[in-house]
C-alpha atoms as a PDB file:
ATOM      1  CA  MET A   1      -8.166  -1.855   7.117  1.00  0.00           C
ATOM      2  CA  ASN A   2     -10.122   1.300   7.323  1.00  0.00           C
ATOM      3  CA  ASN A   3      -8.212   3.964   5.370  1.00  0.00           C
ATOM      4  CA  PRO A   4     -10.143   7.257   4.925  1.00  0.00           C
ATOM      5  CA  VAL A   5     -11.171   7.241   1.394  1.00  0.00           C
ATOM      6  CA  HIS A   6     -12.724   9.896  -0.649  1.00  0.00           C
ATOM      7  CA  PRO A   7     -16.502   9.114  -1.248  1.00  0.00           C
ATOM      8  CA  LEU A   8     -16.022   9.197  -4.895  1.00  0.00           C
ATOM      9  CA  LEU A   9     -13.591   6.287  -4.708  1.00  0.00           C
ATOM     10  CA  GLN A  10     -15.819   4.214  -2.641  1.00  0.00           C
ATOM     11  CA  THR A  11     -18.285   3.990  -5.828  1.00  0.00           C
ATOM     12  CA  THR A  12     -15.724   4.140  -8.655  1.00  0.00           C
ATOM     13  CA  ALA A  13     -15.527   0.528 -10.085  1.00  0.00           C
ATOM     14  CA  ILE A  14     -12.158  -0.878 -11.150  1.00  0.00           C
ATOM     15  CA  GLU A  15     -13.535  -0.862 -14.796  1.00  0.00           C
ATOM     16  CA  ALA A  16     -12.468   2.943 -14.346  1.00  0.00           C
ATOM     17  CA  LEU A  17      -9.109   1.416 -14.852  1.00  0.00           C
ATOM     18  CA  GLU A  18      -9.512   0.142 -18.167  1.00  0.00           C
ATOM     19  CA  LEU A  19      -7.567  -2.763 -17.437  1.00  0.00           C
ATOM     20  CA  SER A  20      -7.206  -6.417 -19.772  1.00  0.00           C
ATOM     21  CA  MET A  21      -9.241  -9.053 -19.343  1.00  0.00           C
ATOM     22  CA  GLN A  22      -6.740 -10.785 -17.154  1.00  0.00           C
ATOM     23  CA  ALA A  23      -6.307  -7.981 -14.933  1.00  0.00           C
ATOM     24  CA  HIS A  24      -9.842  -7.261 -14.271  1.00  0.00           C
ATOM     25  CA  GLY A  25     -10.760 -10.776 -13.994  1.00  0.00           C
ATOM     26  CA  PHE A  26      -7.759 -11.123 -11.194  1.00  0.00           C
ATOM     27  CA  LEU A  27      -9.236  -8.179  -9.473  1.00  0.00           C
ATOM     28  CA  LYS A  28     -12.978  -9.493  -9.606  1.00  0.00           C
ATOM     29  CA  ARG A  29     -11.813 -13.153  -8.289  1.00  0.00           C
ATOM     30  CA  SER A  30     -10.039 -11.309  -5.439  1.00  0.00           C
ATOM     31  CA  GLN A  31     -13.203  -9.709  -4.399  1.00  0.00           C
ATOM     32  CA  ILE A  32     -11.968  -6.313  -5.845  1.00  0.00           C
ATOM     33  CA  HIS A  33     -14.376  -4.230  -7.109  1.00  0.00           C
ATOM     34  CA  THR A  34     -13.990  -0.462  -6.549  1.00  0.00           C
ATOM     35  CA  ILE A  35     -11.039   1.790  -6.094  1.00  0.00           C
ATOM     36  CA  ALA A  36     -11.522   1.890  -2.499  1.00  0.00           C
ATOM     37  CA  ASP A  37     -11.566  -2.290  -2.334  1.00  0.00           C
ATOM     38  CA  LEU A  38      -8.086  -1.830  -4.257  1.00  0.00           C
ATOM     39  CA  LEU A  39      -6.886   0.666  -1.754  1.00  0.00           C
ATOM     40  CA  ASN A  40      -6.839  -2.018   0.953  1.00  0.00           C
ATOM     41  CA  TYR A  41      -3.800  -3.749  -0.528  1.00  0.00           C
ATOM     42  CA  THR A  42      -0.145  -2.763  -0.893  1.00  0.00           C
ATOM     43  CA  GLN A  43       1.748  -3.456  -4.248  1.00  0.00           C
ATOM     44  CA  GLU A  44       3.665  -6.302  -2.567  1.00  0.00           C
ATOM     45  CA  ASP A  45      -0.326  -7.908  -1.904  1.00  0.00           C
ATOM     46  CA  LEU A  46      -0.676  -7.607  -5.566  1.00  0.00           C
ATOM     47  CA  ARG A  47       2.598  -9.037  -6.685  1.00  0.00           C
ATOM     48  CA  ILE A  48       1.815 -12.052  -4.309  1.00  0.00           C
ATOM     49  CA  LEU A  49      -1.692 -12.713  -5.513  1.00  0.00           C
ATOM     50  CA  ASP A  50      -0.860 -12.197  -9.342  1.00  0.00           C
ATOM     51  CA  PRO A  51       2.492 -11.084 -10.403  1.00  0.00           C
ATOM     52  CA  SER A  52       1.229 -10.832 -14.113  1.00  0.00           C
ATOM     53  CA  SER A  53      -1.392  -8.597 -13.480  1.00  0.00           C
ATOM     54  CA  ALA A  54      -0.356  -6.450 -10.553  1.00  0.00           C
ATOM     55  CA  HIS A  55       2.086  -4.387 -12.498  1.00  0.00           C
ATOM     56  CA  GLU A  56      -0.943  -3.650 -15.013  1.00  0.00           C
ATOM     57  CA  VAL A  57      -2.783  -2.921 -11.850  1.00  0.00           C
ATOM     58  CA  ILE A  58      -0.721  -0.636 -10.058  1.00  0.00           C
ATOM     59  CA  THR A  59       0.442   1.458 -13.116  1.00  0.00           C
ATOM     60  CA  ALA A  60      -3.156   1.973 -14.289  1.00  0.00           C
ATOM     61  CA  LEU A  61      -4.126   3.234 -10.812  1.00  0.00           C
ATOM     62  CA  HIS A  62      -1.107   5.546 -11.008  1.00  0.00           C
ATOM     63  CA  GLU A  63      -1.676   6.851 -14.527  1.00  0.00           C
ATOM     64  CA  ARG A  64      -5.086   6.853 -14.452  1.00  0.00           C
ATOM     65  CA  LEU A  65      -6.146   8.434 -11.123  1.00  0.00           C
ATOM     66  CA  GLY A  66      -2.837   9.617  -9.701  1.00  0.00           C
ATOM     67  CA  ILE A  67      -2.893   6.907  -6.985  1.00  0.00           C
ATOM     68  CA  ALA A  68       0.269   5.134  -5.885  1.00  0.00           C
ATOM     69  CA  LEU A  69      -0.566   1.947  -3.670  1.00  0.00           C
ATOM     70  CA  PRO A  70       2.357   1.698  -0.670  1.00  0.00           C
ATOM     71  CA  GLN A  71       4.900  -0.645  -1.634  1.00  0.00           C
ATOM     72  CA  ALA A  72       4.478  -2.931   1.826  1.00  0.00           C
ATOM     73  CA  ALA A  73       2.431  -3.170   4.824  1.00  0.00           C
ATOM     74  CA  GLY A  74       4.940  -1.385   6.859  1.00  0.00           C
ATOM     75  CA  ASP A  75       4.391   1.601   4.533  1.00  0.00           C
ATOM     76  CA  LEU A  76       0.799   1.104   4.699  1.00  0.00           C
ATOM     77  CA  ASP A  77       0.874   1.245   8.590  1.00  0.00           C
ATOM     78  CA  ASP A  78       2.730   4.221   8.363  1.00  0.00           C
ATOM     79  CA  GLN A  79       0.089   6.236   6.055  1.00  0.00           C
ATOM     80  CA  MET A  80      -2.656   5.295   8.939  1.00  0.00           C
ATOM     81  CA  ALA A  81      -0.561   6.624  11.786  1.00  0.00           C
END
């Protein structure tokens, strides 16, 4: 998916979210290293990959950076149109 992403987010590491070790490890194992990487996922994607960490990641992204991931793939498609 090629969402236009602010250049700063392309280089902002997920460490900026100040996640627990479990949630941080989940993102790293999923090859998610930057906020821009994370923006290629929906909330549903994260819940499928790791339900226990998804809530923490989604909440931190919103609270720390004011970014809300789309709920599901259809929502992401609507944003790209």
